[in-house]
């Protein structure tokens, strides 16, 4: 499901990422 969701997200102009990456990506401090 995750593999196909990555393809669908890309077709919709989005990028798939694990939620745990949200903190470093947006600069959320520990």
ModelCIF file with pLDDT and N, C-alpha, C, O atoms, coordinates in Angstrom:
data_MODEL
#
_entry.id   MODEL 
#
_entity.id                         1 
_entity.type                       polymer 
_entity.pdbx_number_of_molecules   1 
#
_entity_poly.entity_id                      1 
_entity_poly.type                           'polypeptide(L)' 
_entity_poly.nstd_linkage                   no 
_entity_poly.nstd_monomer                   no 
_entity_poly.pdbx_seq_one_letter_code       
;(UNK)(UNK)(UNK)(UNK)(UNK)(UNK)(UNK)(UNK)(UNK)(UNK)(UNK)(UNK)(UNK)(UNK)(UNK)(UNK)
(UNK)(UNK)(UNK)(UNK)(UNK)(UNK)(UNK)(UNK)(UNK)(UNK)(UNK)(UNK)(UNK)(UNK)
;
_entity_poly.pdbx_seq_one_letter_code_can   XXXXXXXXXXXXXXXXXXXXXXXXXXXXXX 
_entity_poly.pdbx_strand_id                 A 
#
loop_
_entity_poly_seq.entity_id 
_entity_poly_seq.num 
_entity_poly_seq.mon_id 
_entity_poly_seq.hetero 
1 1  UNK n 
1 2  UNK n 
1 3  UNK n 
1 4  UNK n 
1 5  UNK n 
1 6  UNK n 
1 7  UNK n 
1 8  UNK n 
1 9  UNK n 
1 10 UNK n 
1 11 UNK n 
1 12 UNK n 
1 13 UNK n 
1 14 UNK n 
1 15 UNK n 
1 16 UNK n 
1 17 UNK n 
1 18 UNK n 
1 19 UNK n 
1 20 UNK n 
1 21 UNK n 
1 22 UNK n 
1 23 UNK n 
1 24 UNK n 
1 25 UNK n 
1 26 UNK n 
1 27 UNK n 
1 28 UNK n 
1 29 UNK n 
1 30 UNK n 
#
_struct_asym.id          A 
_struct_asym.entity_id   1 
#
loop_
_ma_qa_metric.id 
_ma_qa_metric.mode 
_ma_qa_metric.name 
_ma_qa_metric.software_group_id 
_ma_qa_metric.type 
1 global pLDDT . pLDDT 
2 local  pLDDT . pLDDT 
#
_ma_qa_metric_global.metric_id      1 
_ma_qa_metric_global.metric_value   94.90 
_ma_qa_metric_global.model_id       1 
_ma_qa_metric_global.ordinal_id     1 
#
loop_
_ma_qa_metric_local.label_asym_id 
_ma_qa_metric_local.label_comp_id 
_ma_qa_metric_local.label_seq_id 
_ma_qa_metric_local.metric_id 
_ma_qa_metric_local.metric_value 
_ma_qa_metric_local.model_id 
_ma_qa_metric_local.ordinal_id 
A UNK 1  2 98.00 1 1  
A UNK 2  2 97.00 1 2  
A UNK 3  2 97.00 1 3  
A UNK 4  2 98.00 1 4  
A UNK 5  2 98.00 1 5  
A UNK 6  2 97.00 1 6  
A UNK 7  2 97.00 1 7  
A UNK 8  2 97.00 1 8  
A UNK 9  2 96.00 1 9  
A UNK 10 2 96.00 1 10 
A UNK 11 2 95.00 1 11 
A UNK 12 2 92.00 1 12 
A UNK 13 2 93.00 1 13 
A UNK 14 2 94.00 1 14 
A UNK 15 2 95.00 1 15 
A UNK 16 2 96.00 1 16 
A UNK 17 2 96.00 1 17 
A UNK 18 2 96.00 1 18 
A UNK 19 2 96.00 1 19 
A UNK 20 2 95.00 1 20 
A UNK 21 2 94.00 1 21 
A UNK 22 2 94.00 1 22 
A UNK 23 2 93.00 1 23 
A UNK 24 2 93.00 1 24 
A UNK 25 2 91.00 1 25 
A UNK 26 2 91.00 1 26 
A UNK 27 2 92.00 1 27 
A UNK 28 2 93.00 1 28 
A UNK 29 2 94.00 1 29 
A UNK 30 2 93.00 1 30 
#
loop_
_atom_site.group_PDB 
_atom_site.id 
_atom_site.type_symbol 
_atom_site.label_atom_id 
_atom_site.label_alt_id 
_atom_site.label_comp_id 
_atom_site.label_asym_id 
_atom_site.label_entity_id 
_atom_site.label_seq_id 
_atom_site.pdbx_PDB_ins_code 
_atom_site.Cartn_x 
_atom_site.Cartn_y 
_atom_site.Cartn_z 
_atom_site.occupancy 
_atom_site.B_iso_or_equiv 
_atom_site.pdbx_formal_charge 
_atom_site.auth_seq_id 
_atom_site.auth_comp_id 
_atom_site.auth_asym_id 
_atom_site.auth_atom_id 
_atom_site.pdbx_PDB_model_num 
ATOM 1   N N  . UNK A 1 1  ? 0.832  -1.202 0.000  1.00 98.00 ? 1  UNK A N  1 
ATOM 2   C CA . UNK A 1 1  ? 0.000  0.000  0.000  1.00 98.00 ? 1  UNK A CA 1 
ATOM 3   C C  . UNK A 1 1  ? 0.868  1.254  0.000  1.00 98.00 ? 1  UNK A C  1 
ATOM 4   O O  . UNK A 1 1  ? 0.586  2.205  -0.729 1.00 98.00 ? 1  UNK A O  1 
ATOM 5   N N  . UNK A 1 2  ? 1.912  1.259  0.807  1.00 97.00 ? 2  UNK A N  1 
ATOM 6   C CA . UNK A 1 2  ? 2.793  2.425  0.886  1.00 97.00 ? 2  UNK A CA 1 
ATOM 7   C C  . UNK A 1 2  ? 3.463  2.671  -0.462 1.00 97.00 ? 2  UNK A C  1 
ATOM 8   O O  . UNK A 1 2  ? 3.599  3.822  -0.877 1.00 97.00 ? 2  UNK A O  1 
ATOM 9   N N  . UNK A 1 3  ? 3.883  1.618  -1.149 1.00 97.00 ? 3  UNK A N  1 
ATOM 10  C CA . UNK A 1 3  ? 4.515  1.779  -2.462 1.00 97.00 ? 3  UNK A CA 1 
ATOM 11  C C  . UNK A 1 3  ? 3.565  2.465  -3.447 1.00 97.00 ? 3  UNK A C  1 
ATOM 12  O O  . UNK A 1 3  ? 3.953  3.406  -4.139 1.00 97.00 ? 3  UNK A O  1 
ATOM 13  N N  . UNK A 1 4  ? 2.330  1.991  -3.503 1.00 98.00 ? 4  UNK A N  1 
ATOM 14  C CA . UNK A 1 4  ? 1.361  2.584  -4.430 1.00 98.00 ? 4  UNK A CA 1 
ATOM 15  C C  . UNK A 1 4  ? 0.977  3.990  -3.983 1.00 98.00 ? 4  UNK A C  1 
ATOM 16  O O  . UNK A 1 4  ? 0.778  4.873  -4.817 1.00 98.00 ? 4  UNK A O  1 
ATOM 17  N N  . UNK A 1 5  ? 0.872  4.201  -2.678 1.00 98.00 ? 5  UNK A N  1 
ATOM 18  C CA . UNK A 1 5  ? 0.532  5.534  -2.180 1.00 98.00 ? 5  UNK A CA 1 
ATOM 19  C C  . UNK A 1 5  ? 1.607  6.547  -2.565 1.00 98.00 ? 5  UNK A C  1 
ATOM 20  O O  . UNK A 1 5  ? 1.295  7.704  -2.849 1.00 98.00 ? 5  UNK A O  1 
ATOM 21  N N  . UNK A 1 6  ? 2.862  6.123  -2.576 1.00 97.00 ? 6  UNK A N  1 
ATOM 22  C CA . UNK A 1 6  ? 3.930  7.012  -3.006 1.00 97.00 ? 6  UNK A CA 1 
ATOM 23  C C  . UNK A 1 6  ? 3.747  7.454  -4.448 1.00 97.00 ? 6  UNK A C  1 
ATOM 24  O O  . UNK A 1 6  ? 3.981  8.616  -4.783 1.00 97.00 ? 6  UNK A O  1 
ATOM 25  N N  . UNK A 1 7  ? 3.327  6.524  -5.303 1.00 97.00 ? 7  UNK A N  1 
ATOM 26  C CA . UNK A 1 7  ? 3.096  6.846  -6.711 1.00 97.00 ? 7  UNK A CA 1 
ATOM 27  C C  . UNK A 1 7  ? 1.891  7.783  -6.864 1.00 97.00 ? 7  UNK A C  1 
ATOM 28  O O  . UNK A 1 7  ? 1.934  8.743  -7.633 1.00 97.00 ? 7  UNK A O  1 
ATOM 29  N N  . UNK A 1 8  ? 0.818  7.489  -6.121 1.00 97.00 ? 8  UNK A N  1 
ATOM 30  C CA . UNK A 1 8  ? -0.381 8.325  -6.194 1.00 97.00 ? 8  UNK A CA 1 
ATOM 31  C C  . UNK A 1 8  ? -0.089 9.725  -5.663 1.00 97.00 ? 8  UNK A C  1 
ATOM 32  O O  . UNK A 1 8  ? -0.511 10.717 -6.257 1.00 97.00 ? 8  UNK A O  1 
ATOM 33  N N  . UNK A 1 9  ? 0.625  9.805  -4.556 1.00 96.00 ? 9  UNK A N  1 
ATOM 34  C CA . UNK A 1 9  ? 0.970  11.108 -3.985 1.00 96.00 ? 9  UNK A CA 1 
ATOM 35  C C  . UNK A 1 9  ? 1.770  11.939 -4.979 1.00 96.00 ? 9  UNK A C  1 
ATOM 36  O O  . UNK A 1 9  ? 1.510  13.128 -5.160 1.00 96.00 ? 9  UNK A O  1 
ATOM 37  N N  . UNK A 1 10 ? 2.736  11.309 -5.616 1.00 96.00 ? 10 UNK A N  1 
ATOM 38  C CA . UNK A 1 10 ? 3.561  12.027 -6.594 1.00 96.00 ? 10 UNK A CA 1 
ATOM 39  C C  . UNK A 1 10 ? 2.715  12.545 -7.748 1.00 96.00 ? 10 UNK A C  1 
ATOM 40  O O  . UNK A 1 10 ? 2.919  13.665 -8.215 1.00 96.00 ? 10 UNK A O  1 
ATOM 41  N N  . UNK A 1 11 ? 1.756  11.728 -8.213 1.00 95.00 ? 11 UNK A N  1 
ATOM 42  C CA . UNK A 1 11 ? 0.877  12.154 -9.301 1.00 95.00 ? 11 UNK A CA 1 
ATOM 43  C C  . UNK A 1 11 ? -0.001 13.330 -8.883 1.00 95.00 ? 11 UNK A C  1 
ATOM 44  O O  . UNK A 1 11 ? -0.452 14.102 -9.729 1.00 95.00 ? 11 UNK A O  1 
ATOM 45  N N  . UNK A 1 12 ? -0.244 13.466 -7.579 1.00 92.00 ? 12 UNK A N  1 
ATOM 46  C CA . UNK A 1 12 ? -1.050 14.567 -7.052 1.00 92.00 ? 12 UNK A CA 1 
ATOM 47  C C  . UNK A 1 12 ? -0.192 15.756 -6.620 1.00 92.00 ? 12 UNK A C  1 
ATOM 48  O O  . UNK A 1 12 ? -0.700 16.723 -6.051 1.00 92.00 ? 12 UNK A O  1 
ATOM 49  N N  . UNK A 1 13 ? 1.115  15.675 -6.895 1.00 93.00 ? 13 UNK A N  1 
ATOM 50  C CA . UNK A 1 13 ? 1.998  16.779 -6.549 1.00 93.00 ? 13 UNK A CA 1 
ATOM 51  C C  . UNK A 1 13 ? 2.452  16.777 -5.113 1.00 93.00 ? 13 UNK A C  1 
ATOM 52  O O  . UNK A 1 13 ? 2.879  17.811 -4.598 1.00 93.00 ? 13 UNK A O  1 
ATOM 53  N N  . UNK A 1 14 ? 2.368  15.625 -4.445 1.00 94.00 ? 14 UNK A N  1 
ATOM 54  C CA . UNK A 1 14 ? 2.799  15.499 -3.062 1.00 94.00 ? 14 UNK A CA 1 
ATOM 55  C C  . UNK A 1 14 ? 3.936  14.495 -2.949 1.00 94.00 ? 14 UNK A C  1 
ATOM 56  O O  . UNK A 1 14 ? 4.238  13.770 -3.897 1.00 94.00 ? 14 UNK A O  1 
ATOM 57  N N  . UNK A 1 15 ? 4.559  14.464 -1.780 1.00 95.00 ? 15 UNK A N  1 
ATOM 58  C CA . UNK A 1 15 ? 5.637  13.511 -1.530 1.00 95.00 ? 15 UNK A CA 1 
ATOM 59  C C  . UNK A 1 15 ? 5.328  12.705 -0.282 1.00 95.00 ? 15 UNK A C  1 
ATOM 60  O O  . UNK A 1 15 ? 4.956  13.259 0.752  1.00 95.00 ? 15 UNK A O  1 
ATOM 61  N N  . UNK A 1 16 ? 5.486  11.389 -0.389 1.00 96.00 ? 16 UNK A N  1 
ATOM 62  C CA . UNK A 1 16 ? 5.231  10.508 0.744  1.00 96.00 ? 16 UNK A CA 1 
ATOM 63  C C  . UNK A 1 16 ? 6.413  10.532 1.701  1.00 96.00 ? 16 UNK A C  1 
ATOM 64  O O  . UNK A 1 16 ? 7.567  10.550 1.273  1.00 96.00 ? 16 UNK A O  1 
ATOM 65  N N  . UNK A 1 17 ? 6.122  10.533 3.006  1.00 96.00 ? 17 UNK A N  1 
ATOM 66  C CA . UNK A 1 17 ? 7.183  10.516 4.019  1.00 96.00 ? 17 UNK A CA 1 
ATOM 67  C C  . UNK A 1 17 ? 6.636  9.886  5.295  1.00 96.00 ? 17 UNK A C  1 
ATOM 68  O O  . UNK A 1 17 ? 5.449  10.029 5.586  1.00 96.00 ? 17 UNK A O  1 
ATOM 69  N N  . UNK A 1 18 ? 7.472  9.196  6.058  1.00 96.00 ? 18 UNK A N  1 
ATOM 70  C CA . UNK A 1 18 ? 7.022  8.698  7.355  1.00 96.00 ? 18 UNK A CA 1 
ATOM 71  C C  . UNK A 1 18 ? 6.780  9.872  8.302  1.00 96.00 ? 18 UNK A C  1 
ATOM 72  O O  . UNK A 1 18 ? 7.505  10.866 8.261  1.00 96.00 ? 18 UNK A O  1 
ATOM 73  N N  . UNK A 1 19 ? 5.764  9.756  9.150  1.00 96.00 ? 19 UNK A N  1 
ATOM 74  C CA . UNK A 1 19 ? 5.420  10.849 10.062 1.00 96.00 ? 19 UNK A CA 1 
ATOM 75  C C  . UNK A 1 19 ? 6.604  11.259 10.923 1.00 96.00 ? 19 UNK A C  1 
ATOM 76  O O  . UNK A 1 19 ? 6.753  12.436 11.254 1.00 96.00 ? 19 UNK A O  1 
ATOM 77  N N  . UNK A 1 20 ? 7.440  10.311 11.285 1.00 95.00 ? 20 UNK A N  1 
ATOM 78  C CA . UNK A 1 20 ? 8.568  10.619 12.173 1.00 95.00 ? 20 UNK A CA 1 
ATOM 79  C C  . UNK A 1 20 ? 9.509  11.651 11.560 1.00 95.00 ? 20 UNK A C  1 
ATOM 80  O O  . UNK A 1 20 ? 10.281 12.289 12.275 1.00 95.00 ? 20 UNK A O  1 
ATOM 81  N N  . UNK A 1 21 ? 9.447  11.820 10.224 1.00 94.00 ? 21 UNK A N  1 
ATOM 82  C CA . UNK A 1 21 ? 10.282 12.830 9.567  1.00 94.00 ? 21 UNK A CA 1 
ATOM 83  C C  . UNK A 1 21 ? 9.729  14.239 9.701  1.00 94.00 ? 21 UNK A C  1 
ATOM 84  O O  . UNK A 1 21 ? 10.421 15.209 9.392  1.00 94.00 ? 21 UNK A O  1 
ATOM 85  N N  . UNK A 1 22 ? 8.478  14.363 10.162 1.00 94.00 ? 22 UNK A N  1 
ATOM 86  C CA . UNK A 1 22 ? 7.866  15.690 10.229 1.00 94.00 ? 22 UNK A CA 1 
ATOM 87  C C  . UNK A 1 22 ? 8.632  16.622 11.149 1.00 94.00 ? 22 UNK A C  1 
ATOM 88  O O  . UNK A 1 22 ? 8.796  17.804 10.846 1.00 94.00 ? 22 UNK A O  1 
ATOM 89  N N  . UNK A 1 23 ? 9.101  16.095 12.270 1.00 93.00 ? 23 UNK A N  1 
ATOM 90  C CA . UNK A 1 23 ? 9.805  16.950 13.235 1.00 93.00 ? 23 UNK A CA 1 
ATOM 91  C C  . UNK A 1 23 ? 11.068 17.564 12.646 1.00 93.00 ? 23 UNK A C  1 
ATOM 92  O O  . UNK A 1 23 ? 11.206 18.787 12.669 1.00 93.00 ? 23 UNK A O  1 
ATOM 93  N N  . UNK A 1 24 ? 12.005 16.760 12.114 1.00 93.00 ? 24 UNK A N  1 
ATOM 94  C CA . UNK A 1 24 ? 13.197 17.387 11.543 1.00 93.00 ? 24 UNK A CA 1 
ATOM 95  C C  . UNK A 1 24 ? 12.905 18.219 10.295 1.00 93.00 ? 24 UNK A C  1 
ATOM 96  O O  . UNK A 1 24 ? 13.578 19.221 10.051 1.00 93.00 ? 24 UNK A O  1 
ATOM 97  N N  . UNK A 1 25 ? 11.907 17.814 9.502  1.00 91.00 ? 25 UNK A N  1 
ATOM 98  C CA . UNK A 1 25 ? 11.603 18.565 8.279  1.00 91.00 ? 25 UNK A CA 1 
ATOM 99  C C  . UNK A 1 25 ? 11.085 19.963 8.588  1.00 91.00 ? 25 UNK A C  1 
ATOM 100 O O  . UNK A 1 25 ? 11.376 20.906 7.852  1.00 91.00 ? 25 UNK A O  1 
ATOM 101 N N  . UNK A 1 26 ? 10.320 20.108 9.669  1.00 91.00 ? 26 UNK A N  1 
ATOM 102 C CA . UNK A 1 26 ? 9.740  21.426 9.945  1.00 91.00 ? 26 UNK A CA 1 
ATOM 103 C C  . UNK A 1 26 ? 10.456 22.153 11.079 1.00 91.00 ? 26 UNK A C  1 
ATOM 104 O O  . UNK A 1 26 ? 10.035 23.233 11.493 1.00 91.00 ? 26 UNK A O  1 
ATOM 105 N N  . UNK A 1 27 ? 11.540 21.560 11.579 1.00 92.00 ? 27 UNK A N  1 
ATOM 106 C CA . UNK A 1 27 ? 12.310 22.229 12.621 1.00 92.00 ? 27 UNK A CA 1 
ATOM 107 C C  . UNK A 1 27 ? 11.660 22.190 13.985 1.00 92.00 ? 27 UNK A C  1 
ATOM 108 O O  . UNK A 1 27 ? 11.912 23.061 14.818 1.00 92.00 ? 27 UNK A O  1 
ATOM 109 N N  . UNK A 1 28 ? 10.823 21.188 14.225 1.00 93.00 ? 28 UNK A N  1 
ATOM 110 C CA . UNK A 1 28 ? 10.169 21.048 15.527 1.00 93.00 ? 28 UNK A CA 1 
ATOM 111 C C  . UNK A 1 28 ? 11.188 20.562 16.551 1.00 93.00 ? 28 UNK A C  1 
ATOM 112 O O  . UNK A 1 28 ? 11.767 19.488 16.391 1.00 93.00 ? 28 UNK A O  1 
ATOM 113 N N  . UNK A 1 29 ? 11.409 21.345 17.596 1.00 94.00 ? 29 UNK A N  1 
ATOM 114 C CA . UNK A 1 29 ? 12.425 20.997 18.578 1.00 94.00 ? 29 UNK A CA 1 
ATOM 115 C C  . UNK A 1 29 ? 11.980 19.801 19.413 1.00 94.00 ? 29 UNK A C  1 
ATOM 116 O O  . UNK A 1 29 ? 10.786 19.588 19.625 1.00 94.00 ? 29 UNK A O  1 
ATOM 117 N N  . UNK A 1 30 ? 12.941 19.036 19.878 1.00 93.00 ? 30 UNK A N  1 
ATOM 118 C CA . UNK A 1 30 ? 12.629 17.874 20.709 1.00 93.00 ? 30 UNK A CA 1 
ATOM 119 C C  . UNK A 1 30 ? 11.971 18.313 22.013 1.00 93.00 ? 30 UNK A C  1 
ATOM 120 O O  . UNK A 1 30 ? 11.633 17.474 22.848 1.00 93.00 ? 30 UNK A O  1 
#
